[in-house]
Amino acid sequence: MKSIFVGGALVAALLTATDAGATAFCNIRSTSDGFVALRAGPSGTARLVARMRVGDEIQAHSDRRGMWIKATWWKGGRFKQPRDAGYDPPNGSGWVHGSLIEDDCG
């Protein structure tokens, strides 16, 4: 019973950590111009890091600035397909406006 409590305490500590840990995988919404900007900072005027498209995925982090969400980005929905390789490195990271990703992530 003691090991269960310790494990539960560890999980609780990890879930409530104050650093910007990843929280969810999200899909990119369709937009009229065909892409969603991944920015270097939490602003529409910050440097463009990438043009993400429908089918790409991000991992939303707990670090937020207003409607802007810190995210890690992968091209082409890699996490929905089985892969032979273990680790699949991200294509980039930055900030995305919360209105441009799935409702449950923004």
PDB file of N, CA and C in Angstrom:
ATOM      1  N   MET A   1       0.813  -1.188   0.000  1.00  0.00           N
ATOM      2  CA  MET A   1       0.000   0.000   0.000  1.00  0.00           C
ATOM      3  C   MET A   1       0.860   1.258   0.000  1.00  0.00           C
ATOM      4  N   LYS A   2       1.969   1.196   0.669  1.00  0.00           N
ATOM      5  CA  LYS A   2       2.862   2.344   0.739  1.00  0.00           C
ATOM      6  C   LYS A   2       3.401   2.708  -0.647  1.00  0.00           C
ATOM      7  N   SER A   3       3.763   1.724  -1.465  1.00  0.00           N
ATOM      8  CA  SER A   3       4.282   2.004  -2.801  1.00  0.00           C
ATOM      9  C   SER A   3       3.218   2.641  -3.698  1.00  0.00           C
ATOM     10  N   ILE A   4       1.961   2.293  -3.490  1.00  0.00           N
ATOM     11  CA  ILE A   4       0.891   2.904  -4.269  1.00  0.00           C
ATOM     12  C   ILE A   4       0.774   4.380  -3.917  1.00  0.00           C
ATOM     13  N   PHE A   5       0.846   4.698  -2.624  1.00  0.00           N
ATOM     14  CA  PHE A   5       0.775   6.093  -2.200  1.00  0.00           C
ATOM     15  C   PHE A   5       1.952   6.887  -2.759  1.00  0.00           C
ATOM     16  N   VAL A   6       3.143   6.329  -2.667  1.00  0.00           N
ATOM     17  CA  VAL A   6       4.321   7.016  -3.185  1.00  0.00           C
ATOM     18  C   VAL A   6       4.177   7.241  -4.678  1.00  0.00           C
ATOM     19  N   GLY A   7       3.724   6.204  -5.410  1.00  0.00           N
ATOM     20  CA  GLY A   7       3.516   6.355  -6.853  1.00  0.00           C
ATOM     21  C   GLY A   7       2.469   7.407  -7.148  1.00  0.00           C
ATOM     22  N   GLY A   8       1.366   7.406  -6.387  1.00  0.00           N
ATOM     23  CA  GLY A   8       0.313   8.401  -6.570  1.00  0.00           C
ATOM     24  C   GLY A   8       0.810   9.801  -6.274  1.00  0.00           C
ATOM     25  N   ALA A   9       1.632   9.914  -5.227  1.00  0.00           N
ATOM     26  CA  ALA A   9       2.195  11.219  -4.883  1.00  0.00           C
ATOM     27  C   ALA A   9       3.115  11.710  -5.999  1.00  0.00           C
ATOM     28  N   LEU A  10       3.875  10.797  -6.585  1.00  0.00           N
ATOM     29  CA  LEU A  10       4.762  11.163  -7.683  1.00  0.00           C
ATOM     30  C   LEU A  10       3.955  11.645  -8.882  1.00  0.00           C
ATOM     31  N   VAL A  11       2.904  10.923  -9.225  1.00  0.00           N
ATOM     32  CA  VAL A  11       2.044  11.325 -10.341  1.00  0.00           C
ATOM     33  C   VAL A  11       1.426  12.685 -10.060  1.00  0.00           C
ATOM     34  N   ALA A  12       0.920  12.890  -8.851  1.00  0.00           N
ATOM     35  CA  ALA A  12       0.317  14.177  -8.497  1.00  0.00           C
ATOM     36  C   ALA A  12       1.342  15.298  -8.600  1.00  0.00           C
ATOM     37  N   ALA A  13       2.559  15.048  -8.145  1.00  0.00           N
ATOM     38  CA  ALA A  13       3.611  16.065  -8.218  1.00  0.00           C
ATOM     39  C   ALA A  13       3.937  16.397  -9.664  1.00  0.00           C
ATOM     40  N   LEU A  14       3.990  15.382 -10.514  1.00  0.00           N
ATOM     41  CA  LEU A  14       4.292  15.622 -11.925  1.00  0.00           C
ATOM     42  C   LEU A  14       3.180  16.409 -12.608  1.00  0.00           C
ATOM     43  N   LEU A  15       1.945  16.123 -12.257  1.00  0.00           N
ATOM     44  CA  LEU A  15       0.819  16.798 -12.884  1.00  0.00           C
ATOM     45  C   LEU A  15       0.674  18.238 -12.426  1.00  0.00           C
ATOM     46  N   THR A  16       1.162  18.553 -11.235  1.00  0.00           N
ATOM     47  CA  THR A  16       1.012  19.904 -10.720  1.00  0.00           C
ATOM     48  C   THR A  16       2.302  20.702 -10.789  1.00  0.00           C
ATOM     49  N   ALA A  17       3.302  20.195 -11.477  1.00  0.00           N
ATOM     50  CA  ALA A  17       4.580  20.892 -11.581  1.00  0.00           C
ATOM     51  C   ALA A  17       4.384  22.253 -12.240  1.00  0.00           C
ATOM     52  N   THR A  18       5.186  23.237 -11.832  1.00  0.00           N
ATOM     53  CA  THR A  18       5.027  24.586 -12.359  1.00  0.00           C
ATOM     54  C   THR A  18       5.800  24.824 -13.651  1.00  0.00           C
ATOM     55  N   ASP A  19       6.698  23.914 -14.034  1.00  0.00           N
ATOM     56  CA  ASP A  19       7.399  24.124 -15.290  1.00  0.00           C
ATOM     57  C   ASP A  19       6.469  23.836 -16.453  1.00  0.00           C
ATOM     58  N   ALA A  20       6.899  24.193 -17.652  1.00  0.00           N
ATOM     59  CA  ALA A  20       6.039  24.093 -18.832  1.00  0.00           C
ATOM     60  C   ALA A  20       6.030  22.688 -19.391  1.00  0.00           C
ATOM     61  N   GLY A  21       5.424  21.760 -18.702  1.00  0.00           N
ATOM     62  CA  GLY A  21       5.329  20.393 -19.170  1.00  0.00           C
ATOM     63  C   GLY A  21       4.260  20.253 -20.229  1.00  0.00           C
ATOM     64  N   ALA A  22       4.426  19.305 -21.117  1.00  0.00           N
ATOM     65  CA  ALA A  22       3.456  19.073 -22.179  1.00  0.00           C
ATOM     66  C   ALA A  22       2.188  18.487 -21.595  1.00  0.00           C
ATOM     67  N   THR A  23       1.047  18.873 -22.144  1.00  0.00           N
ATOM     68  CA  THR A  23      -0.211  18.426 -21.577  1.00  0.00           C
ATOM     69  C   THR A  23      -1.113  17.679 -22.553  1.00  0.00           C
ATOM     70  N   ALA A  24      -1.069  17.964 -23.842  1.00  0.00           N
ATOM     71  CA  ALA A  24      -2.013  17.331 -24.761  1.00  0.00           C
ATOM     72  C   ALA A  24      -1.509  17.395 -26.198  1.00  0.00           C
ATOM     73  N   PHE A  25      -1.926  16.410 -27.003  1.00  0.00           N
ATOM     74  CA  PHE A  25      -1.673  16.461 -28.436  1.00  0.00           C
ATOM     75  C   PHE A  25      -2.900  17.053 -29.103  1.00  0.00           C
ATOM     76  N   CYS A  26      -2.686  17.956 -30.042  1.00  0.00           N
ATOM     77  CA  CYS A  26      -3.779  18.691 -30.671  1.00  0.00           C
ATOM     78  C   CYS A  26      -3.588  18.747 -32.170  1.00  0.00           C
ATOM     79  N   ASN A  27      -4.686  18.852 -32.874  1.00  0.00           N
ATOM     80  CA  ASN A  27      -4.652  19.009 -34.325  1.00  0.00           C
ATOM     81  C   ASN A  27      -4.780  20.480 -34.694  1.00  0.00           C
ATOM     82  N   ILE A  28      -4.253  20.827 -35.843  1.00  0.00           N
ATOM     83  CA  ILE A  28      -4.319  22.177 -36.377  1.00  0.00           C
ATOM     84  C   ILE A  28      -5.667  22.369 -37.064  1.00  0.00           C
ATOM     85  N   ARG A  29      -6.286  23.511 -36.853  1.00  0.00           N
ATOM     86  CA  ARG A  29      -7.562  23.817 -37.512  1.00  0.00           C
ATOM     87  C   ARG A  29      -7.331  24.274 -38.953  1.00  0.00           C
ATOM     88  N   SER A  30      -8.345  24.087 -39.765  1.00  0.00           N
ATOM     89  CA  SER A  30      -8.321  24.595 -41.131  1.00  0.00           C
ATOM     90  C   SER A  30      -8.525  26.108 -41.092  1.00  0.00           C
ATOM     91  N   THR A  31      -7.737  26.836 -41.894  1.00  0.00           N
ATOM     92  CA  THR A  31      -7.866  28.291 -41.965  1.00  0.00           C
ATOM     93  C   THR A  31      -8.024  28.723 -43.420  1.00  0.00           C
ATOM     94  N   SER A  32      -8.495  29.930 -43.618  1.00  0.00           N
ATOM     95  CA  SER A  32      -8.730  30.416 -44.989  1.00  0.00           C
ATOM     96  C   SER A  32      -7.441  30.566 -45.784  1.00  0.00           C
ATOM     97  N   ASP A  33      -6.321  30.840 -45.107  1.00  0.00           N
ATOM     98  CA  ASP A  33      -5.054  30.970 -45.835  1.00  0.00           C
ATOM     99  C   ASP A  33      -4.261  29.668 -45.899  1.00  0.00           C
ATOM    100  N   GLY A  34      -4.795  28.588 -45.325  1.00  0.00           N
ATOM    101  CA  GLY A  34      -4.196  27.263 -45.481  1.00  0.00           C
ATOM    102  C   GLY A  34      -3.116  26.893 -44.488  1.00  0.00           C
ATOM    103  N   PHE A  35      -2.830  27.756 -43.523  1.00  0.00           N
ATOM    104  CA  PHE A  35      -1.820  27.412 -42.522  1.00  0.00           C
ATOM    105  C   PHE A  35      -2.092  28.128 -41.207  1.00  0.00           C
ATOM    106  N   VAL A  36      -1.458  27.622 -40.166  1.00  0.00           N
ATOM    107  CA  VAL A  36      -1.467  28.244 -38.844  1.00  0.00           C
ATOM    108  C   VAL A  36      -0.020  28.564 -38.506  1.00  0.00           C
ATOM    109  N   ALA A  37       0.221  29.784 -38.093  1.00  0.00           N
ATOM    110  CA  ALA A  37       1.585  30.223 -37.792  1.00  0.00           C
ATOM    111  C   ALA A  37       2.063  29.690 -36.445  1.00  0.00           C
ATOM    112  N   LEU A  38       3.254  29.131 -36.454  1.00  0.00           N
ATOM    113  CA  LEU A  38       3.979  28.809 -35.231  1.00  0.00           C
ATOM    114  C   LEU A  38       4.977  29.947 -35.063  1.00  0.00           C
ATOM    115  N   ARG A  39       4.889  30.680 -33.970  1.00  0.00           N
ATOM    116  CA  ARG A  39       5.673  31.901 -33.767  1.00  0.00           C
ATOM    117  C   ARG A  39       6.753  31.713 -32.712  1.00  0.00           C
ATOM    118  N   ALA A  40       7.797  32.517 -32.785  1.00  0.00           N
ATOM    119  CA  ALA A  40       8.908  32.461 -31.835  1.00  0.00           C
ATOM    120  C   ALA A  40       8.505  32.990 -30.462  1.00  0.00           C
ATOM    121  N   GLY A  41       7.475  33.789 -30.394  1.00  0.00           N
ATOM    122  CA  GLY A  41       6.999  34.347 -29.140  1.00  0.00           C
ATOM    123  C   GLY A  41       5.486  34.439 -29.139  1.00  0.00           C
ATOM    124  N   PRO A  42       4.895  34.779 -27.997  1.00  0.00           N
ATOM    125  CA  PRO A  42       3.435  34.830 -27.875  1.00  0.00           C
ATOM    126  C   PRO A  42       2.831  36.122 -28.418  1.00  0.00           C
ATOM    127  N   SER A  43       3.002  36.345 -29.721  1.00  0.00           N
ATOM    128  CA  SER A  43       2.515  37.557 -30.361  1.00  0.00           C
ATOM    129  C   SER A  43       2.375  37.333 -31.865  1.00  0.00           C
ATOM    130  N   GLY A  44       1.386  37.964 -32.461  1.00  0.00           N
ATOM    131  CA  GLY A  44       1.190  37.874 -33.899  1.00  0.00           C
ATOM    132  C   GLY A  44       2.297  38.549 -34.693  1.00  0.00           C
ATOM    133  N   THR A  45       3.111  39.358 -34.036  1.00  0.00           N
ATOM    134  CA  THR A  45       4.224  40.019 -34.709  1.00  0.00           C
ATOM    135  C   THR A  45       5.568  39.328 -34.460  1.00  0.00           C
ATOM    136  N   ALA A  46       5.562  38.264 -33.643  1.00  0.00           N
ATOM    137  CA  ALA A  46       6.805  37.521 -33.388  1.00  0.00           C
ATOM    138  C   ALA A  46       7.243  36.793 -34.661  1.00  0.00           C
ATOM    139  N   ARG A  47       8.536  36.509 -34.755  1.00  0.00           N
ATOM    140  CA  ARG A  47       9.104  35.838 -35.933  1.00  0.00           C
ATOM    141  C   ARG A  47       8.355  34.533 -36.228  1.00  0.00           C
ATOM    142  N   LEU A  48       8.074  34.297 -37.515  1.00  0.00           N
ATOM    143  CA  LEU A  48       7.422  33.069 -37.967  1.00  0.00           C
ATOM    144  C   LEU A  48       8.429  31.922 -37.923  1.00  0.00           C
ATOM    145  N   VAL A  49       8.103  30.874 -37.175  1.00  0.00           N
ATOM    146  CA  VAL A  49       8.964  29.692 -37.073  1.00  0.00           C
ATOM    147  C   VAL A  49       8.583  28.682 -38.149  1.00  0.00           C
ATOM    148  N   ALA A  50       7.262  28.473 -38.338  1.00  0.00           N
ATOM    149  CA  ALA A  50       6.785  27.482 -39.309  1.00  0.00           C
ATOM    150  C   ALA A  50       5.347  27.787 -39.697  1.00  0.00           C
ATOM    151  N   ARG A  51       4.973  27.271 -40.847  1.00  0.00           N
ATOM    152  CA  ARG A  51       3.581  27.311 -41.297  1.00  0.00           C
ATOM    153  C   ARG A  51       3.020  25.911 -41.134  1.00  0.00           C
ATOM    154  N   MET A  52       2.232  25.722 -40.100  1.00  0.00           N
ATOM    155  CA  MET A  52       1.652  24.407 -39.818  1.00  0.00           C
ATOM    156  C   MET A  52       0.371  24.252 -40.633  1.00  0.00           C
ATOM    157  N   ARG A  53       0.112  23.029 -41.050  1.00  0.00           N
ATOM    158  CA  ARG A  53      -1.042  22.746 -41.904  1.00  0.00           C
ATOM    159  C   ARG A  53      -1.949  21.696 -41.257  1.00  0.00           C
ATOM    160  N   VAL A  54      -3.179  21.609 -41.775  1.00  0.00           N
ATOM    161  CA  VAL A  54      -4.103  20.567 -41.314  1.00  0.00           C
ATOM    162  C   VAL A  54      -3.414  19.219 -41.480  1.00  0.00           C
ATOM    163  N   GLY A  55      -3.503  18.373 -40.490  1.00  0.00           N
ATOM    164  CA  GLY A  55      -2.822  17.080 -40.504  1.00  0.00           C
ATOM    165  C   GLY A  55      -1.570  17.091 -39.650  1.00  0.00           C
ATOM    166  N   ASP A  56      -1.008  18.279 -39.420  1.00  0.00           N
ATOM    167  CA  ASP A  56       0.116  18.405 -38.493  1.00  0.00           C
ATOM    168  C   ASP A  56      -0.429  18.321 -37.073  1.00  0.00           C
ATOM    169  N   GLU A  57       0.451  18.023 -36.133  1.00  0.00           N
ATOM    170  CA  GLU A  57       0.047  17.937 -34.730  1.00  0.00           C
ATOM    171  C   GLU A  57       0.990  18.753 -33.868  1.00  0.00           C
ATOM    172  N   ILE A  58       0.442  19.255 -32.783  1.00  0.00           N
ATOM    173  CA  ILE A  58       1.270  19.918 -31.788  1.00  0.00           C
ATOM    174  C   ILE A  58       1.041  19.269 -30.439  1.00  0.00           C
ATOM    175  N   GLN A  59       2.005  19.419 -29.588  1.00  0.00           N
ATOM    176  CA  GLN A  59       1.835  19.053 -28.195  1.00  0.00           C
ATOM    177  C   GLN A  59       1.763  20.361 -27.429  1.00  0.00           C
ATOM    178  N   ALA A  60       0.585  20.655 -26.890  1.00  0.00           N
ATOM    179  CA  ALA A  60       0.376  21.892 -26.148  1.00  0.00           C
ATOM    180  C   ALA A  60       1.042  21.774 -24.787  1.00  0.00           C
ATOM    181  N   HIS A  61       1.638  22.868 -24.336  1.00  0.00           N
ATOM    182  CA  HIS A  61       2.290  22.906 -23.033  1.00  0.00           C
ATOM    183  C   HIS A  61       1.474  23.764 -22.073  1.00  0.00           C
ATOM    184  N   SER A  62       1.782  23.670 -20.821  1.00  0.00           N
ATOM    185  CA  SER A  62       1.039  24.437 -19.821  1.00  0.00           C
ATOM    186  C   SER A  62       1.434  25.905 -19.803  1.00  0.00           C
ATOM    187  N   ASP A  63       2.514  26.266 -20.455  1.00  0.00           N
ATOM    188  CA  ASP A  63       2.964  27.654 -20.509  1.00  0.00           C
ATOM    189  C   ASP A  63       2.068  28.429 -21.469  1.00  0.00           C
ATOM    190  N   ARG A  64       1.343  29.428 -20.944  1.00  0.00           N
ATOM    191  CA  ARG A  64       0.412  30.217 -21.744  1.00  0.00           C
ATOM    192  C   ARG A  64       0.579  31.690 -21.450  1.00  0.00           C
ATOM    193  N   ARG A  65       0.327  32.509 -22.459  1.00  0.00           N
ATOM    194  CA  ARG A  65       0.344  33.965 -22.336  1.00  0.00           C
ATOM    195  C   ARG A  65      -0.926  34.471 -23.001  1.00  0.00           C
ATOM    196  N   GLY A  66      -1.941  34.734 -22.214  1.00  0.00           N
ATOM    197  CA  GLY A  66      -3.235  35.114 -22.775  1.00  0.00           C
ATOM    198  C   GLY A  66      -3.776  33.959 -23.608  1.00  0.00           C
ATOM    199  N   MET A  67      -4.080  34.221 -24.878  1.00  0.00           N
ATOM    200  CA  MET A  67      -4.592  33.183 -25.785  1.00  0.00           C
ATOM    201  C   MET A  67      -3.482  32.389 -26.462  1.00  0.00           C
ATOM    202  N   TRP A  68      -2.216  32.738 -26.217  1.00  0.00           N
ATOM    203  CA  TRP A  68      -1.084  32.062 -26.851  1.00  0.00           C
ATOM    204  C   TRP A  68      -0.635  30.868 -26.020  1.00  0.00           C
ATOM    205  N   ILE A  69      -0.340  29.760 -26.708  1.00  0.00           N
ATOM    206  CA  ILE A  69       0.046  28.508 -26.066  1.00  0.00           C
ATOM    207  C   ILE A  69       1.409  28.075 -26.587  1.00  0.00           C
ATOM    208  N   LYS A  70       2.305  27.750 -25.681  1.00  0.00           N
ATOM    209  CA  LYS A  70       3.612  27.205 -26.089  1.00  0.00           C
ATOM    210  C   LYS A  70       3.378  25.784 -26.592  1.00  0.00           C
ATOM    211  N   ALA A  71       4.045  25.415 -27.692  1.00  0.00           N
ATOM    212  CA  ALA A  71       3.777  24.121 -28.320  1.00  0.00           C
ATOM    213  C   ALA A  71       5.012  23.551 -29.004  1.00  0.00           C
ATOM    214  N   THR A  72       5.024  22.235 -29.105  1.00  0.00           N
ATOM    215  CA  THR A  72       6.011  21.507 -29.904  1.00  0.00           C
ATOM    216  C   THR A  72       5.254  20.951 -31.104  1.00  0.00           C
ATOM    217  N   TRP A  73       5.869  20.999 -32.291  1.00  0.00           N
ATOM    218  CA  TRP A  73       5.169  20.700 -33.547  1.00  0.00           C
ATOM    219  C   TRP A  73       5.805  19.536 -34.306  1.00  0.00           C
ATOM    220  N   TRP A  74       4.933  18.671 -34.848  1.00  0.00           N
ATOM    221  CA  TRP A  74       5.330  17.573 -35.725  1.00  0.00           C
ATOM    222  C   TRP A  74       4.519  17.657 -37.007  1.00  0.00           C
ATOM    223  N   LYS A  75       5.152  17.462 -38.148  1.00  0.00           N
ATOM    224  CA  LYS A  75       4.468  17.452 -39.442  1.00  0.00           C
ATOM    225  C   LYS A  75       3.663  16.180 -39.630  1.00  0.00           C
ATOM    226  N   GLY A  76       2.526  16.317 -40.283  1.00  0.00           N
ATOM    227  CA  GLY A  76       1.813  15.201 -40.857  1.00  0.00           C
ATOM    228  C   GLY A  76       1.158  14.173 -39.970  1.00  0.00           C
ATOM    229  N   GLY A  77       0.764  14.498 -38.769  1.00  0.00           N
ATOM    230  CA  GLY A  77       0.021  13.558 -37.931  1.00  0.00           C
ATOM    231  C   GLY A  77       0.765  12.274 -37.637  1.00  0.00           C
ATOM    232  N   ARG A  78       2.027  12.346 -37.333  1.00  0.00           N
ATOM    233  CA  ARG A  78       2.849  11.159 -37.094  1.00  0.00           C
ATOM    234  C   ARG A  78       2.358  10.299 -35.940  1.00  0.00           C
ATOM    235  N   PHE A  79       1.697  10.880 -34.974  1.00  0.00           N
ATOM    236  CA  PHE A  79       1.308  10.129 -33.783  1.00  0.00           C
ATOM    237  C   PHE A  79       0.047   9.306 -33.994  1.00  0.00           C
ATOM    238  N   LYS A  80      -0.608   9.449 -35.118  1.00  0.00           N
ATOM    239  CA  LYS A  80      -1.783   8.652 -35.428  1.00  0.00           C
ATOM    240  C   LYS A  80      -1.424   7.425 -36.245  1.00  0.00           C
ATOM    241  N   GLN A  81      -0.163   7.297 -36.647  1.00  0.00           N
ATOM    242  CA  GLN A  81       0.272   6.186 -37.482  1.00  0.00           C
ATOM    243  C   GLN A  81       1.306   5.357 -36.724  1.00  0.00           C
ATOM    244  N   PRO A  82       1.219   4.034 -36.817  1.00  0.00           N
ATOM    245  CA  PRO A  82       2.249   3.216 -36.165  1.00  0.00           C
ATOM    246  C   PRO A  82       3.595   3.413 -36.863  1.00  0.00           C
ATOM    247  N   ARG A  83       4.652   3.414 -36.070  1.00  0.00           N
ATOM    248  CA  ARG A  83       5.993   3.596 -36.612  1.00  0.00           C
ATOM    249  C   ARG A  83       6.905   2.496 -36.104  1.00  0.00           C
ATOM    250  N   ASP A  84       7.917   2.176 -36.893  1.00  0.00           N
ATOM    251  CA  ASP A  84       8.926   1.210 -36.474  1.00  0.00           C
ATOM    252  C   ASP A  84       9.942   1.862 -35.548  1.00  0.00           C
ATOM    253  N   ALA A  85      10.275   3.122 -35.828  1.00  0.00           N
ATOM    254  CA  ALA A  85      11.278   3.823 -35.031  1.00  0.00           C
ATOM    255  C   ALA A  85      10.680   4.241 -33.696  1.00  0.00           C
ATOM    256  N   GLY A  86      11.517   4.357 -32.693  1.00  0.00           N
ATOM    257  CA  GLY A  86      11.052   4.764 -31.374  1.00  0.00           C
ATOM    258  C   GLY A  86      10.794   6.258 -31.304  1.00  0.00           C
ATOM    259  N   TYR A  87      11.830   7.041 -31.144  1.00  0.00           N
ATOM    260  CA  TYR A  87      11.693   8.481 -30.957  1.00  0.00           C
ATOM    261  C   TYR A  87      11.544   9.191 -32.292  1.00  0.00           C
ATOM    262  N   ASP A  88      10.566  10.061 -32.385  1.00  0.00           N
ATOM    263  CA  ASP A  88      10.326  10.849 -33.582  1.00  0.00           C
ATOM    264  C   ASP A  88      10.537  12.314 -33.216  1.00  0.00           C
ATOM    265  N   PRO A  89      11.691  12.895 -33.562  1.00  0.00           N
ATOM    266  CA  PRO A  89      11.980  14.260 -33.133  1.00  0.00           C
ATOM    267  C   PRO A  89      10.992  15.269 -33.707  1.00  0.00           C
ATOM    268  N   PRO A  90      10.690  16.317 -32.964  1.00  0.00           N
ATOM    269  CA  PRO A  90       9.761  17.336 -33.464  1.00  0.00           C
ATOM    270  C   PRO A  90      10.372  18.148 -34.600  1.00  0.00           C
ATOM    271  N   ASN A  91       9.509  18.800 -35.354  1.00  0.00           N
ATOM    272  CA  ASN A  91       9.958  19.672 -36.433  1.00  0.00           C
ATOM    273  C   ASN A  91      10.217  21.098 -35.949  1.00  0.00           C
ATOM    274  N   GLY A  92       9.714  21.434 -34.791  1.00  0.00           N
ATOM    275  CA  GLY A  92       9.935  22.772 -34.259  1.00  0.00           C
ATOM    276  C   GLY A  92       9.148  23.006 -32.991  1.00  0.00           C
ATOM    277  N   SER A  93       9.363  24.167 -32.403  1.00  0.00           N
ATOM    278  CA  SER A  93       8.597  24.565 -31.228  1.00  0.00           C
ATOM    279  C   SER A  93       8.435  26.070 -31.238  1.00  0.00           C
ATOM    280  N   GLY A  94       7.418  26.537 -30.568  1.00  0.00           N
ATOM    281  CA  GLY A  94       7.144  27.962 -30.518  1.00  0.00           C
ATOM    282  C   GLY A  94       5.800  28.213 -29.872  1.00  0.00           C
ATOM    283  N   TRP A  95       5.115  29.221 -30.351  1.00  0.00           N
ATOM    284  CA  TRP A  95       3.832  29.651 -29.801  1.00  0.00           C
ATOM    285  C   TRP A  95       2.765  29.647 -30.879  1.00  0.00           C
ATOM    286  N   VAL A  96       1.557  29.209 -30.511  1.00  0.00           N
ATOM    287  CA  VAL A  96       0.420  29.175 -31.429  1.00  0.00           C
ATOM    288  C   VAL A  96      -0.776  29.818 -30.724  1.00  0.00           C
ATOM    289  N   HIS A  97      -1.599  30.520 -31.501  1.00  0.00           N
ATOM    290  CA  HIS A  97      -2.795  31.130 -30.924  1.00  0.00           C
ATOM    291  C   HIS A  97      -3.810  30.022 -30.629  1.00  0.00           C
ATOM    292  N   GLY A  98      -4.362  30.020 -29.434  1.00  0.00           N
ATOM    293  CA  GLY A  98      -5.267  28.961 -28.990  1.00  0.00           C
ATOM    294  C   GLY A  98      -6.509  28.795 -29.839  1.00  0.00           C
ATOM    295  N   SER A  99      -6.936  29.827 -30.533  1.00  0.00           N
ATOM    296  CA  SER A  99      -8.140  29.717 -31.367  1.00  0.00           C
ATOM    297  C   SER A  99      -7.887  28.921 -32.640  1.00  0.00           C
ATOM    298  N   LEU A 100      -6.630  28.595 -32.935  1.00  0.00           N
ATOM    299  CA  LEU A 100      -6.281  27.923 -34.178  1.00  0.00           C
ATOM    300  C   LEU A 100      -5.946  26.437 -34.008  1.00  0.00           C
ATOM    301  N   ILE A 101      -6.240  25.904 -32.809  1.00  0.00           N
ATOM    302  CA  ILE A 101      -6.072  24.470 -32.559  1.00  0.00           C
ATOM    303  C   ILE A 101      -7.375  23.931 -31.986  1.00  0.00           C
ATOM    304  N   GLU A 102      -7.467  22.613 -31.850  1.00  0.00           N
ATOM    305  CA  GLU A 102      -8.690  21.972 -31.353  1.00  0.00           C
ATOM    306  C   GLU A 102      -9.203  22.622 -30.082  1.00  0.00           C
ATOM    307  N   ASP A 103     -10.531  22.625 -29.919  1.00  0.00           N
ATOM    308  CA  ASP A 103     -11.154  23.233 -28.755  1.00  0.00           C
ATOM    309  C   ASP A 103     -10.642  22.669 -27.429  1.00  0.00           C
ATOM    310  N   ASP A 104     -10.435  21.361 -27.357  1.00  0.00           N
ATOM    311  CA  ASP A 104     -10.029  20.767 -26.084  1.00  0.00           C
ATOM    312  C   ASP A 104      -8.577  21.065 -25.732  1.00  0.00           C
ATOM    313  N   CYS A 105      -7.837  21.702 -26.628  1.00  0.00           N
ATOM    314  CA  CYS A 105      -6.451  22.057 -26.354  1.00  0.00           C
ATOM    315  C   CYS A 105      -6.264  23.554 -26.175  1.00  0.00           C
ATOM    316  N   GLY A 106      -7.131  24.363 -26.700  1.00  0.00           N
ATOM    317  CA  GLY A 106      -6.987  25.801 -26.651  1.00  0.00           C
ATOM    318  C   GLY A 106      -7.661  26.376 -25.468  1.00  0.00           C
TER     319      GLY A 106
END
